[in-house]
Amino acid sequence: MDWLNTLKEIEDILIPYYQFDIYERGMYLYLFNKTRISGIEYATIPLSQISKALQCSDWQSRKTIRQLAKKGCIELEQTRDGHSVKVLLPADLDISRPEGATVKANIDEIDFFKGREYVDALIKRENNSCFYCLSEISPKNCELDHVVSQLNGGDNSFKNIVASCHKCNTKKQGADAENFLRDLYRKGMLSESEFEGRLTALRALRQGDIKPDL
């Protein structure tokens, strides 16, 4: 079997079709690797092993694997030795993309930082301006910035990735975004109304109220 093509179908069709959350996606791909990629149809895997691989609690693993079974994309049987699992593929589930149709991605699961794939959408959301200082930016000269740094637990979701100018990206580093905006205001790089507007935009961003148009 062409596993590369199957994996592409999983990413492009199955995962959006079932609207997997981040745990479901990780769990499905982990089980896919442990079964189909390894050349076996069924595998019995202790819950603790799954939790360790996915770096989550046993409670989360148990909840997630049951959710996958409920959605019908895996067959699950609990045994004395662990969970006996069969992963169902797009072909098994008769999931296909109609000719000429597209699958709308779940925006909450998109990595907006990796590969700058969504830089145009982020710049458009920011009205072609740096999210922080409002200077003009373009796909060629902008930077993608984590509002909450990765060191402080920030993710790559649309709620945490913004388009910024190189200068702000360099100066902000891991600083708190609100404090950084306040510093720009003190230095005269933002007017009072611009500063208040940026704080409002920051709150809206964190709440998921301003989404890029995909």
N, C-alpha and C. Protein backbone atom coordinates (compact mmCIF):
# COMPACT_ATOMS: atom_id res chain seq x y z
N MET A 1 0.84 -1.20 0.00
CA MET A 1 0.00 0.00 0.00
C MET A 1 0.87 1.25 0.00
N ASP A 2 0.41 2.28 -0.69
CA ASP A 2 1.12 3.55 -0.73
C ASP A 2 0.79 4.33 0.54
N TRP A 3 1.66 4.17 1.56
CA TRP A 3 1.37 4.78 2.85
C TRP A 3 1.48 6.29 2.83
N LEU A 4 2.34 6.83 1.97
CA LEU A 4 2.44 8.28 1.88
C LEU A 4 1.14 8.89 1.37
N ASN A 5 0.54 8.24 0.38
CA ASN A 5 -0.73 8.72 -0.14
C ASN A 5 -1.84 8.55 0.88
N THR A 6 -1.80 7.42 1.60
CA THR A 6 -2.80 7.18 2.65
C THR A 6 -2.70 8.23 3.75
N LEU A 7 -1.46 8.55 4.13
CA LEU A 7 -1.26 9.57 5.17
C LEU A 7 -1.78 10.92 4.70
N LYS A 8 -1.58 11.23 3.43
CA LYS A 8 -2.10 12.49 2.88
C LYS A 8 -3.63 12.51 2.93
N GLU A 9 -4.26 11.35 2.62
CA GLU A 9 -5.72 11.27 2.69
C GLU A 9 -6.20 11.44 4.13
N ILE A 10 -5.43 10.90 5.08
CA ILE A 10 -5.79 11.05 6.49
C ILE A 10 -5.75 12.53 6.89
N GLU A 11 -4.66 13.21 6.51
CA GLU A 11 -4.49 14.62 6.87
C GLU A 11 -5.49 15.52 6.14
N ASP A 12 -5.72 15.25 4.85
CA ASP A 12 -6.53 16.15 4.03
C ASP A 12 -8.02 15.85 4.08
N ILE A 13 -8.38 14.59 4.37
CA ILE A 13 -9.78 14.20 4.28
C ILE A 13 -10.34 13.72 5.62
N LEU A 14 -9.71 12.68 6.19
CA LEU A 14 -10.27 12.05 7.39
C LEU A 14 -10.28 12.99 8.60
N ILE A 15 -9.14 13.62 8.86
CA ILE A 15 -9.05 14.48 10.05
C ILE A 15 -10.01 15.66 9.97
N PRO A 16 -10.09 16.38 8.84
CA PRO A 16 -11.11 17.45 8.76
C PRO A 16 -12.53 16.92 8.80
N TYR A 17 -12.76 15.74 8.18
CA TYR A 17 -14.11 15.16 8.14
C TYR A 17 -14.64 14.92 9.55
N TYR A 18 -13.78 14.36 10.41
CA TYR A 18 -14.20 14.06 11.78
C TYR A 18 -13.94 15.21 12.75
N GLN A 19 -13.33 16.28 12.24
CA GLN A 19 -13.03 17.45 13.07
C GLN A 19 -12.28 17.04 14.34
N PHE A 20 -11.19 16.31 14.15
CA PHE A 20 -10.37 15.88 15.28
C PHE A 20 -9.84 17.08 16.05
N ASP A 21 -9.84 16.96 17.39
CA ASP A 21 -9.10 17.94 18.16
C ASP A 21 -7.64 17.48 18.21
N ILE A 22 -6.79 18.22 18.89
CA ILE A 22 -5.36 17.93 18.86
C ILE A 22 -5.04 16.57 19.46
N TYR A 23 -5.79 16.15 20.49
CA TYR A 23 -5.56 14.85 21.11
C TYR A 23 -6.01 13.72 20.18
N GLU A 24 -7.16 13.90 19.56
CA GLU A 24 -7.68 12.87 18.64
C GLU A 24 -6.74 12.69 17.45
N ARG A 25 -6.23 13.79 16.93
CA ARG A 25 -5.31 13.70 15.79
C ARG A 25 -4.05 12.95 16.18
N GLY A 26 -3.46 13.34 17.33
CA GLY A 26 -2.25 12.66 17.80
C GLY A 26 -2.49 11.19 18.08
N MET A 27 -3.62 10.88 18.71
CA MET A 27 -3.95 9.50 19.03
C MET A 27 -4.14 8.66 17.77
N TYR A 28 -4.90 9.19 16.81
CA TYR A 28 -5.17 8.44 15.58
C TYR A 28 -3.86 8.14 14.84
N LEU A 29 -3.01 9.14 14.69
CA LEU A 29 -1.75 8.95 13.97
C LEU A 29 -0.81 8.00 14.71
N TYR A 30 -0.83 8.06 16.04
CA TYR A 30 -0.02 7.14 16.84
C TYR A 30 -0.48 5.70 16.64
N LEU A 31 -1.80 5.49 16.70
CA LEU A 31 -2.35 4.15 16.51
C LEU A 31 -2.14 3.66 15.07
N PHE A 32 -2.26 4.58 14.13
CA PHE A 32 -2.01 4.26 12.72
C PHE A 32 -0.58 3.75 12.54
N ASN A 33 0.37 4.41 13.18
CA ASN A 33 1.77 4.01 13.09
C ASN A 33 2.01 2.66 13.76
N LYS A 34 1.32 2.43 14.88
CA LYS A 34 1.53 1.19 15.64
C LYS A 34 0.85 -0.02 14.99
N THR A 35 -0.09 0.23 14.10
CA THR A 35 -0.80 -0.88 13.48
C THR A 35 -0.50 -0.96 11.98
N ARG A 36 -1.15 -0.16 11.20
CA ARG A 36 -1.05 -0.28 9.74
C ARG A 36 0.37 -0.10 9.22
N ILE A 37 1.06 0.91 9.70
CA ILE A 37 2.44 1.14 9.25
C ILE A 37 3.35 -0.01 9.66
N SER A 38 3.04 -0.62 10.80
CA SER A 38 3.84 -1.75 11.30
C SER A 38 3.46 -3.08 10.67
N GLY A 39 2.46 -3.04 9.77
CA GLY A 39 2.07 -4.24 9.04
C GLY A 39 1.11 -5.15 9.76
N ILE A 40 0.43 -4.64 10.78
CA ILE A 40 -0.54 -5.47 11.51
C ILE A 40 -1.89 -4.76 11.52
N GLU A 41 -2.96 -5.55 11.60
CA GLU A 41 -4.29 -5.00 11.55
C GLU A 41 -4.78 -4.57 12.92
N TYR A 42 -4.44 -5.41 13.92
CA TYR A 42 -4.83 -5.12 15.30
C TYR A 42 -3.58 -5.00 16.17
N ALA A 43 -3.68 -4.20 17.22
CA ALA A 43 -2.60 -4.11 18.21
C ALA A 43 -3.22 -3.91 19.58
N THR A 44 -2.62 -4.54 20.58
CA THR A 44 -3.05 -4.34 21.96
C THR A 44 -2.01 -3.48 22.65
N ILE A 45 -2.41 -2.29 23.06
CA ILE A 45 -1.47 -1.31 23.58
C ILE A 45 -1.93 -0.85 24.97
N PRO A 46 -1.08 -1.00 25.98
CA PRO A 46 -1.44 -0.52 27.32
C PRO A 46 -1.71 0.98 27.31
N LEU A 47 -2.68 1.40 28.09
CA LEU A 47 -3.04 2.81 28.13
C LEU A 47 -1.86 3.67 28.58
N SER A 48 -1.07 3.16 29.52
CA SER A 48 0.07 3.93 30.02
C SER A 48 1.09 4.20 28.92
N GLN A 49 1.23 3.25 28.00
CA GLN A 49 2.15 3.42 26.87
C GLN A 49 1.65 4.51 25.92
N ILE A 50 0.34 4.52 25.71
CA ILE A 50 -0.25 5.55 24.85
C ILE A 50 -0.07 6.93 25.50
N SER A 51 -0.35 7.01 26.79
CA SER A 51 -0.23 8.28 27.51
C SER A 51 1.19 8.82 27.45
N LYS A 52 2.15 7.95 27.63
CA LYS A 52 3.56 8.37 27.60
C LYS A 52 3.93 8.88 26.22
N ALA A 53 3.48 8.18 25.18
CA ALA A 53 3.82 8.59 23.81
C ALA A 53 3.20 9.93 23.46
N LEU A 54 1.97 10.18 23.93
CA LEU A 54 1.27 11.42 23.61
C LEU A 54 1.50 12.52 24.64
N GLN A 55 2.26 12.17 25.71
CA GLN A 55 2.59 13.13 26.76
C GLN A 55 1.33 13.75 27.37
N CYS A 56 0.41 12.87 27.75
CA CYS A 56 -0.81 13.33 28.41
C CYS A 56 -1.17 12.35 29.51
N SER A 57 -2.21 12.65 30.25
CA SER A 57 -2.63 11.79 31.36
C SER A 57 -3.36 10.55 30.85
N ASP A 58 -3.42 9.52 31.70
CA ASP A 58 -4.20 8.33 31.36
C ASP A 58 -5.67 8.68 31.16
N TRP A 59 -6.15 9.63 31.95
CA TRP A 59 -7.55 10.06 31.80
C TRP A 59 -7.79 10.63 30.42
N GLN A 60 -6.86 11.48 29.94
CA GLN A 60 -7.02 12.08 28.62
C GLN A 60 -6.93 11.02 27.53
N SER A 61 -6.00 10.07 27.68
CA SER A 61 -5.85 9.01 26.69
C SER A 61 -7.10 8.15 26.62
N ARG A 62 -7.65 7.80 27.77
CA ARG A 62 -8.86 6.98 27.82
C ARG A 62 -10.03 7.72 27.16
N LYS A 63 -10.16 8.99 27.48
CA LYS A 63 -11.23 9.80 26.91
C LYS A 63 -11.08 9.89 25.38
N THR A 64 -9.86 10.12 24.93
CA THR A 64 -9.62 10.32 23.49
C THR A 64 -9.84 9.05 22.69
N ILE A 65 -9.36 7.92 23.20
CA ILE A 65 -9.50 6.69 22.44
C ILE A 65 -10.98 6.28 22.36
N ARG A 66 -11.74 6.59 23.39
CA ARG A 66 -13.18 6.32 23.36
C ARG A 66 -13.89 7.24 22.37
N GLN A 67 -13.41 8.49 22.28
CA GLN A 67 -14.00 9.42 21.32
C GLN A 67 -13.76 8.94 19.88
N LEU A 68 -12.57 8.42 19.61
CA LEU A 68 -12.27 7.92 18.28
C LEU A 68 -13.16 6.72 17.95
N ALA A 69 -13.35 5.85 18.95
CA ALA A 69 -14.20 4.68 18.74
C ALA A 69 -15.66 5.12 18.51
N LYS A 70 -16.10 6.13 19.25
CA LYS A 70 -17.47 6.63 19.10
C LYS A 70 -17.69 7.25 17.73
N LYS A 71 -16.66 7.91 17.22
CA LYS A 71 -16.77 8.50 15.88
C LYS A 71 -16.71 7.45 14.78
N GLY A 72 -16.24 6.26 15.14
CA GLY A 72 -16.25 5.15 14.18
C GLY A 72 -15.01 5.04 13.32
N CYS A 73 -13.93 5.75 13.68
CA CYS A 73 -12.72 5.67 12.86
C CYS A 73 -11.70 4.67 13.41
N ILE A 74 -12.00 4.06 14.55
CA ILE A 74 -11.22 2.92 15.04
C ILE A 74 -12.20 1.90 15.61
N GLU A 75 -11.76 0.63 15.65
CA GLU A 75 -12.50 -0.40 16.36
C GLU A 75 -11.75 -0.68 17.65
N LEU A 76 -12.45 -0.71 18.76
CA LEU A 76 -11.82 -0.78 20.07
C LEU A 76 -12.43 -1.87 20.92
N GLU A 77 -11.55 -2.64 21.55
CA GLU A 77 -11.99 -3.66 22.51
C GLU A 77 -11.01 -3.65 23.67
N GLN A 78 -11.54 -3.47 24.88
CA GLN A 78 -10.68 -3.44 26.06
C GLN A 78 -10.43 -4.86 26.54
N THR A 79 -9.16 -5.21 26.70
CA THR A 79 -8.76 -6.54 27.16
C THR A 79 -7.97 -6.41 28.46
N ARG A 80 -7.61 -7.55 29.01
CA ARG A 80 -6.82 -7.56 30.24
C ARG A 80 -5.45 -6.91 30.04
N ASP A 81 -4.92 -7.02 28.83
CA ASP A 81 -3.57 -6.51 28.55
C ASP A 81 -3.56 -5.08 28.03
N GLY A 82 -4.71 -4.51 27.78
CA GLY A 82 -4.76 -3.15 27.25
C GLY A 82 -5.88 -3.01 26.24
N HIS A 83 -5.81 -1.96 25.45
CA HIS A 83 -6.83 -1.71 24.44
C HIS A 83 -6.43 -2.36 23.12
N SER A 84 -7.29 -3.26 22.63
CA SER A 84 -7.08 -3.87 21.32
C SER A 84 -7.71 -2.95 20.28
N VAL A 85 -6.88 -2.48 19.35
CA VAL A 85 -7.31 -1.43 18.44
C VAL A 85 -7.10 -1.83 16.99
N LYS A 86 -8.07 -1.49 16.16
CA LYS A 86 -7.93 -1.56 14.71
C LYS A 86 -8.21 -0.17 14.16
N VAL A 87 -7.26 0.35 13.42
CA VAL A 87 -7.43 1.69 12.84
C VAL A 87 -8.09 1.57 11.47
N LEU A 88 -9.16 2.31 11.28
CA LEU A 88 -9.85 2.32 10.00
C LEU A 88 -9.35 3.48 9.16
N LEU A 89 -9.07 3.21 7.89
CA LEU A 89 -8.53 4.21 6.98
C LEU A 89 -9.66 4.85 6.17
N PRO A 90 -9.36 5.97 5.49
CA PRO A 90 -10.39 6.61 4.67
C PRO A 90 -11.07 5.65 3.71
N ALA A 91 -10.29 4.71 3.12
CA ALA A 91 -10.87 3.75 2.18
C ALA A 91 -11.83 2.79 2.90
N ASP A 92 -11.49 2.42 4.13
CA ASP A 92 -12.36 1.53 4.91
C ASP A 92 -13.67 2.21 5.27
N LEU A 93 -13.60 3.53 5.46
CA LEU A 93 -14.76 4.29 5.90
C LEU A 93 -15.55 4.90 4.75
N ASP A 94 -15.06 4.66 3.55
CA ASP A 94 -15.70 5.20 2.35
C ASP A 94 -15.80 6.72 2.43
N ILE A 95 -14.72 7.32 2.94
CA ILE A 95 -14.65 8.77 2.99
C ILE A 95 -13.86 9.24 1.79
N SER A 96 -14.46 10.03 0.99
CA SER A 96 -13.76 10.55 -0.19
C SER A 96 -14.15 12.00 -0.40
N ARG A 97 -13.32 12.70 -1.13
CA ARG A 97 -13.60 14.08 -1.44
C ARG A 97 -14.26 14.16 -2.81
N PRO A 98 -15.48 14.69 -2.89
CA PRO A 98 -16.13 14.81 -4.19
C PRO A 98 -15.28 15.61 -5.17
N GLU A 99 -15.34 15.23 -6.42
CA GLU A 99 -14.52 15.90 -7.42
C GLU A 99 -14.81 17.39 -7.44
N GLY A 100 -13.74 18.17 -7.36
CA GLY A 100 -13.86 19.62 -7.39
C GLY A 100 -14.19 20.24 -6.05
N ALA A 101 -14.45 19.39 -5.03
CA ALA A 101 -14.80 19.94 -3.72
C ALA A 101 -13.56 20.06 -2.86
N THR A 102 -13.63 20.91 -1.86
CA THR A 102 -12.54 21.07 -0.92
C THR A 102 -13.05 20.78 0.48
N VAL A 103 -12.14 20.38 1.35
CA VAL A 103 -12.49 20.12 2.75
C VAL A 103 -12.04 21.32 3.58
N LYS A 104 -12.98 21.89 4.28
CA LYS A 104 -12.64 23.05 5.11
C LYS A 104 -11.93 22.58 6.36
N ALA A 105 -10.73 23.11 6.56
CA ALA A 105 -9.94 22.71 7.71
C ALA A 105 -10.53 23.28 8.99
N ASN A 106 -10.33 22.58 10.08
CA ASN A 106 -10.73 23.07 11.39
C ASN A 106 -9.70 24.11 11.82
N ILE A 107 -10.09 25.36 11.87
CA ILE A 107 -9.14 26.44 12.11
C ILE A 107 -8.43 26.29 13.45
N ASP A 108 -9.09 25.67 14.42
CA ASP A 108 -8.48 25.50 15.74
C ASP A 108 -7.34 24.49 15.73
N GLU A 109 -7.24 23.69 14.68
CA GLU A 109 -6.20 22.67 14.60
C GLU A 109 -5.06 23.05 13.66
N ILE A 110 -5.15 24.21 13.03
CA ILE A 110 -4.14 24.61 12.05
C ILE A 110 -2.91 25.20 12.75
N ASP A 111 -1.74 24.80 12.28
CA ASP A 111 -0.48 25.37 12.73
C ASP A 111 -0.20 26.61 11.87
N PHE A 112 -0.36 27.80 12.44
CA PHE A 112 -0.21 29.04 11.68
C PHE A 112 1.24 29.52 11.63
N PHE A 113 2.14 28.81 12.28
CA PHE A 113 3.54 29.23 12.31
C PHE A 113 4.40 28.44 11.34
N LYS A 114 4.14 27.15 11.24
CA LYS A 114 4.99 26.26 10.46
C LYS A 114 4.98 26.61 8.98
N GLY A 115 6.14 26.85 8.44
CA GLY A 115 6.29 27.04 7.00
C GLY A 115 5.71 28.32 6.43
N ARG A 116 5.21 29.20 7.30
CA ARG A 116 4.63 30.47 6.84
C ARG A 116 3.51 30.26 5.80
N GLU A 117 2.85 29.13 5.87
CA GLU A 117 1.82 28.80 4.90
C GLU A 117 0.65 29.78 4.92
N TYR A 118 0.36 30.31 6.11
CA TYR A 118 -0.81 31.17 6.25
C TYR A 118 -0.43 32.63 6.48
N VAL A 119 0.77 33.01 6.07
CA VAL A 119 1.24 34.37 6.31
C VAL A 119 0.34 35.40 5.62
N ASP A 120 -0.13 35.11 4.41
CA ASP A 120 -0.99 36.07 3.69
C ASP A 120 -2.29 36.31 4.45
N ALA A 121 -2.87 35.22 4.98
CA ALA A 121 -4.12 35.34 5.72
C ALA A 121 -3.93 36.14 7.01
N LEU A 122 -2.79 35.96 7.66
CA LEU A 122 -2.51 36.68 8.90
C LEU A 122 -2.29 38.17 8.63
N ILE A 123 -1.56 38.47 7.55
CA ILE A 123 -1.32 39.87 7.19
C ILE A 123 -2.65 40.56 6.85
N LYS A 124 -3.49 39.85 6.13
CA LYS A 124 -4.80 40.41 5.78
C LYS A 124 -5.61 40.67 7.04
N ARG A 125 -5.56 39.74 7.99
CA ARG A 125 -6.28 39.94 9.26
C ARG A 125 -5.76 41.19 9.98
N GLU A 126 -4.45 41.41 9.90
CA GLU A 126 -3.82 42.55 10.56
C GLU A 126 -3.90 43.83 9.72
N ASN A 127 -4.67 43.79 8.61
CA ASN A 127 -4.83 44.95 7.73
C ASN A 127 -3.49 45.46 7.20
N ASN A 128 -2.61 44.52 6.86
CA ASN A 128 -1.31 44.84 6.27
C ASN A 128 -0.44 45.69 7.19
N SER A 129 -0.69 45.56 8.49
CA SER A 129 0.06 46.34 9.48
C SER A 129 0.62 45.43 10.56
N CYS A 130 1.75 45.83 11.11
CA CYS A 130 2.32 45.09 12.25
C CYS A 130 1.29 45.06 13.37
N PHE A 131 1.08 43.90 13.95
CA PHE A 131 0.08 43.77 15.01
C PHE A 131 0.40 44.69 16.18
N TYR A 132 1.67 44.98 16.41
CA TYR A 132 2.08 45.76 17.58
C TYR A 132 2.18 47.26 17.29
N CYS A 133 3.04 47.66 16.36
CA CYS A 133 3.31 49.08 16.15
C CYS A 133 2.52 49.69 15.00
N LEU A 134 1.80 48.86 14.25
CA LEU A 134 0.95 49.29 13.14
C LEU A 134 1.71 49.80 11.92
N SER A 135 3.02 49.54 11.87
CA SER A 135 3.77 49.91 10.67
C SER A 135 3.39 48.97 9.53
N GLU A 136 3.54 49.43 8.30
CA GLU A 136 3.14 48.65 7.14
C GLU A 136 4.05 47.43 6.96
N ILE A 137 3.46 46.29 6.65
CA ILE A 137 4.23 45.07 6.43
C ILE A 137 3.73 44.37 5.17
N SER A 138 4.53 43.45 4.69
CA SER A 138 4.18 42.65 3.52
C SER A 138 4.67 41.23 3.75
N PRO A 139 4.23 40.27 2.94
CA PRO A 139 4.70 38.89 3.11
C PRO A 139 6.22 38.76 3.04
N LYS A 140 6.87 39.67 2.32
CA LYS A 140 8.32 39.58 2.15
C LYS A 140 9.10 40.09 3.36
N ASN A 141 8.53 41.08 4.08
CA ASN A 141 9.33 41.66 5.16
C ASN A 141 8.76 41.41 6.56
N CYS A 142 7.64 40.69 6.66
CA CYS A 142 7.04 40.50 7.98
C CYS A 142 7.62 39.29 8.70
N GLU A 143 7.36 39.24 9.98
CA GLU A 143 7.74 38.10 10.82
C GLU A 143 6.46 37.54 11.46
N LEU A 144 6.47 36.24 11.75
CA LEU A 144 5.37 35.64 12.50
C LEU A 144 5.79 35.58 13.96
N ASP A 145 4.98 36.15 14.82
CA ASP A 145 5.35 36.28 16.23
C ASP A 145 4.36 35.55 17.13
N HIS A 146 4.91 34.90 18.17
CA HIS A 146 4.09 34.28 19.20
C HIS A 146 3.71 35.34 20.23
N VAL A 147 2.44 35.64 20.37
CA VAL A 147 2.00 36.61 21.36
C VAL A 147 2.44 36.15 22.75
N VAL A 148 2.17 34.89 23.06
CA VAL A 148 2.73 34.25 24.25
C VAL A 148 3.84 33.34 23.74
N SER A 149 5.06 33.56 24.20
CA SER A 149 6.20 32.81 23.69
C SER A 149 6.04 31.32 23.92
N GLN A 150 6.71 30.53 23.10
CA GLN A 150 6.65 29.08 23.27
C GLN A 150 7.24 28.65 24.60
N LEU A 151 8.24 29.39 25.07
CA LEU A 151 8.84 29.07 26.37
C LEU A 151 7.85 29.25 27.51
N ASN A 152 6.87 30.12 27.29
CA ASN A 152 5.84 30.37 28.31
C ASN A 152 4.55 29.61 28.01
N GLY A 153 4.64 28.63 27.11
CA GLY A 153 3.48 27.78 26.84
C GLY A 153 2.62 28.20 25.67
N GLY A 154 3.07 29.18 24.89
CA GLY A 154 2.29 29.62 23.74
C GLY A 154 2.26 28.60 22.63
N ASP A 155 1.13 28.51 21.93
CA ASP A 155 1.00 27.54 20.84
C ASP A 155 1.07 28.24 19.48
N ASN A 156 0.78 27.48 18.43
CA ASN A 156 0.85 28.02 17.07
C ASN A 156 -0.53 28.26 16.47
N SER A 157 -1.52 28.49 17.32
CA SER A 157 -2.88 28.70 16.84
C SER A 157 -3.07 30.14 16.37
N PHE A 158 -4.19 30.38 15.69
CA PHE A 158 -4.48 31.73 15.20
C PHE A 158 -4.68 32.72 16.35
N LYS A 159 -4.92 32.19 17.56
CA LYS A 159 -5.10 33.04 18.73
C LYS A 159 -3.77 33.51 19.31
N ASN A 160 -2.67 32.95 18.81
CA ASN A 160 -1.37 33.28 19.40
C ASN A 160 -0.31 33.68 18.37
N ILE A 161 -0.59 33.51 17.09
CA ILE A 161 0.36 33.88 16.05
C ILE A 161 -0.13 35.14 15.34
N VAL A 162 0.73 36.15 15.28
CA VAL A 162 0.39 37.40 14.60
C VAL A 162 1.49 37.76 13.61
N ALA A 163 1.14 38.60 12.66
CA ALA A 163 2.13 39.14 11.73
C ALA A 163 2.67 40.44 12.31
N SER A 164 3.99 40.55 12.34
CA SER A 164 4.61 41.75 12.91
C SER A 164 5.77 42.21 12.04
N CYS A 165 6.24 43.41 12.30
CA CYS A 165 7.44 43.88 11.61
C CYS A 165 8.66 43.23 12.25
N HIS A 166 9.77 43.27 11.55
CA HIS A 166 11.00 42.65 12.04
C HIS A 166 11.46 43.32 13.34
N LYS A 167 11.31 44.63 13.40
CA LYS A 167 11.78 45.37 14.56
C LYS A 167 11.04 44.96 15.83
N CYS A 168 9.71 44.88 15.74
CA CYS A 168 8.92 44.48 16.92
C CYS A 168 9.20 43.04 17.30
N ASN A 169 9.32 42.17 16.30
CA ASN A 169 9.60 40.76 16.57
C ASN A 169 10.92 40.60 17.30
N THR A 170 11.92 41.40 16.92
CA THR A 170 13.24 41.32 17.54
C THR A 170 13.21 41.88 18.96
N LYS A 171 12.51 42.99 19.15
CA LYS A 171 12.51 43.65 20.46
C LYS A 171 11.62 42.91 21.46
N LYS A 172 10.50 42.39 21.00
CA LYS A 172 9.57 41.77 21.94
C LYS A 172 10.14 40.50 22.55
N GLN A 173 10.70 39.63 21.72
CA GLN A 173 11.22 38.34 22.21
C GLN A 173 10.15 37.63 23.03
N GLY A 174 10.44 37.27 24.28
CA GLY A 174 9.48 36.54 25.12
C GLY A 174 8.68 37.43 26.05
N ALA A 175 8.72 38.76 25.80
CA ALA A 175 8.03 39.69 26.70
C ALA A 175 6.51 39.53 26.63
N ASP A 176 5.85 39.92 27.71
CA ASP A 176 4.39 39.93 27.73
C ASP A 176 3.90 40.93 26.69
N ALA A 177 2.93 40.53 25.89
CA ALA A 177 2.46 41.37 24.78
C ALA A 177 1.88 42.69 25.27
N GLU A 178 1.12 42.66 26.34
CA GLU A 178 0.51 43.88 26.86
C GLU A 178 1.58 44.85 27.35
N ASN A 179 2.59 44.34 28.04
CA ASN A 179 3.68 45.18 28.50
C ASN A 179 4.48 45.73 27.33
N PHE A 180 4.63 44.92 26.28
CA PHE A 180 5.37 45.39 25.11
C PHE A 180 4.62 46.54 24.44
N LEU A 181 3.30 46.41 24.32
CA LEU A 181 2.49 47.49 23.75
C LEU A 181 2.59 48.75 24.61
N ARG A 182 2.59 48.57 25.90
CA ARG A 182 2.70 49.72 26.81
C ARG A 182 4.05 50.41 26.62
N ASP A 183 5.09 49.61 26.39
CA ASP A 183 6.42 50.18 26.16
C ASP A 183 6.45 50.98 24.85
N LEU A 184 5.77 50.45 23.81
CA LEU A 184 5.70 51.18 22.54
C LEU A 184 4.97 52.52 22.73
N TYR A 185 3.94 52.52 23.55
CA TYR A 185 3.18 53.74 23.83
C TYR A 185 4.05 54.76 24.57
N ARG A 186 4.80 54.30 25.56
CA ARG A 186 5.67 55.20 26.33
C ARG A 186 6.73 55.84 25.44
N LYS A 187 7.19 55.09 24.45
CA LYS A 187 8.24 55.58 23.57
C LYS A 187 7.68 56.42 22.41
N GLY A 188 6.37 56.61 22.39
CA GLY A 188 5.75 57.45 21.39
C GLY A 188 5.53 56.77 20.05
N MET A 189 5.65 55.45 20.01
CA MET A 189 5.46 54.72 18.76
C MET A 189 3.99 54.40 18.52
N LEU A 190 3.17 54.59 19.54
CA LEU A 190 1.72 54.44 19.42
C LEU A 190 1.07 55.64 20.10
N SER A 191 0.03 56.17 19.47
CA SER A 191 -0.74 57.22 20.12
C SER A 191 -1.63 56.59 21.19
N GLU A 192 -2.28 57.42 21.99
CA GLU A 192 -3.14 56.87 23.05
C GLU A 192 -4.27 56.04 22.46
N SER A 193 -4.88 56.54 21.39
CA SER A 193 -5.99 55.80 20.78
C SER A 193 -5.49 54.51 20.12
N GLU A 194 -4.30 54.57 19.52
CA GLU A 194 -3.72 53.36 18.91
C GLU A 194 -3.39 52.33 19.98
N PHE A 195 -2.85 52.80 21.10
CA PHE A 195 -2.52 51.91 22.21
C PHE A 195 -3.78 51.21 22.73
N GLU A 196 -4.84 51.97 22.94
CA GLU A 196 -6.09 51.38 23.41
C GLU A 196 -6.65 50.40 22.38
N GLY A 197 -6.50 50.76 21.11
CA GLY A 197 -6.97 49.86 20.05
C GLY A 197 -6.20 48.57 20.00
N ARG A 198 -4.90 48.65 20.26
CA ARG A 198 -4.07 47.44 20.26
C ARG A 198 -4.41 46.55 21.46
N LEU A 199 -4.70 47.13 22.60
CA LEU A 199 -5.11 46.33 23.76
C LEU A 199 -6.43 45.63 23.49
N THR A 200 -7.34 46.32 22.83
CA THR A 200 -8.63 45.72 22.47
C THR A 200 -8.42 44.58 21.49
N ALA A 201 -7.55 44.78 20.50
CA ALA A 201 -7.26 43.73 19.52
C ALA A 201 -6.60 42.53 20.19
N LEU A 202 -5.74 42.80 21.17
CA LEU A 202 -5.07 41.71 21.88
C LEU A 202 -6.07 40.86 22.65
N ARG A 203 -7.03 41.51 23.31
CA ARG A 203 -8.05 40.77 24.04
C ARG A 203 -8.93 39.97 23.07
N ALA A 204 -9.28 40.57 21.96
CA ALA A 204 -10.10 39.87 20.97
C ALA A 204 -9.36 38.69 20.37
N LEU A 205 -8.06 38.86 20.15
CA LEU A 205 -7.23 37.77 19.62
C LEU A 205 -7.24 36.58 20.57
N ARG A 206 -7.00 36.84 21.84
CA ARG A 206 -6.93 35.78 22.85
C ARG A 206 -8.26 35.05 22.99
N GLN A 207 -9.35 35.77 22.77
CA GLN A 207 -10.68 35.16 22.88
C GLN A 207 -11.11 34.45 21.60
N GLY A 208 -10.27 34.55 20.57
CA GLY A 208 -10.59 33.90 19.29
C GLY A 208 -11.61 34.65 18.46
N ASP A 209 -11.76 35.96 18.74
CA ASP A 209 -12.79 36.74 18.04
C ASP A 209 -12.33 37.27 16.69
N ILE A 210 -11.02 37.34 16.47
CA ILE A 210 -10.53 37.82 15.17
C ILE A 210 -9.78 36.67 14.48
N LYS A 211 -10.46 36.09 13.51
CA LYS A 211 -9.92 34.92 12.82
C LYS A 211 -9.43 35.30 11.42
N PRO A 212 -8.34 34.69 10.98
CA PRO A 212 -7.90 34.93 9.59
C PRO A 212 -8.88 34.29 8.62
N ASP A 213 -9.06 34.89 7.49
CA ASP A 213 -9.97 34.38 6.46
C ASP A 213 -9.20 33.40 5.60
N LEU A 214 -9.53 32.11 5.69
CA LEU A 214 -8.80 31.06 4.96
C LEU A 214 -9.44 30.78 3.61
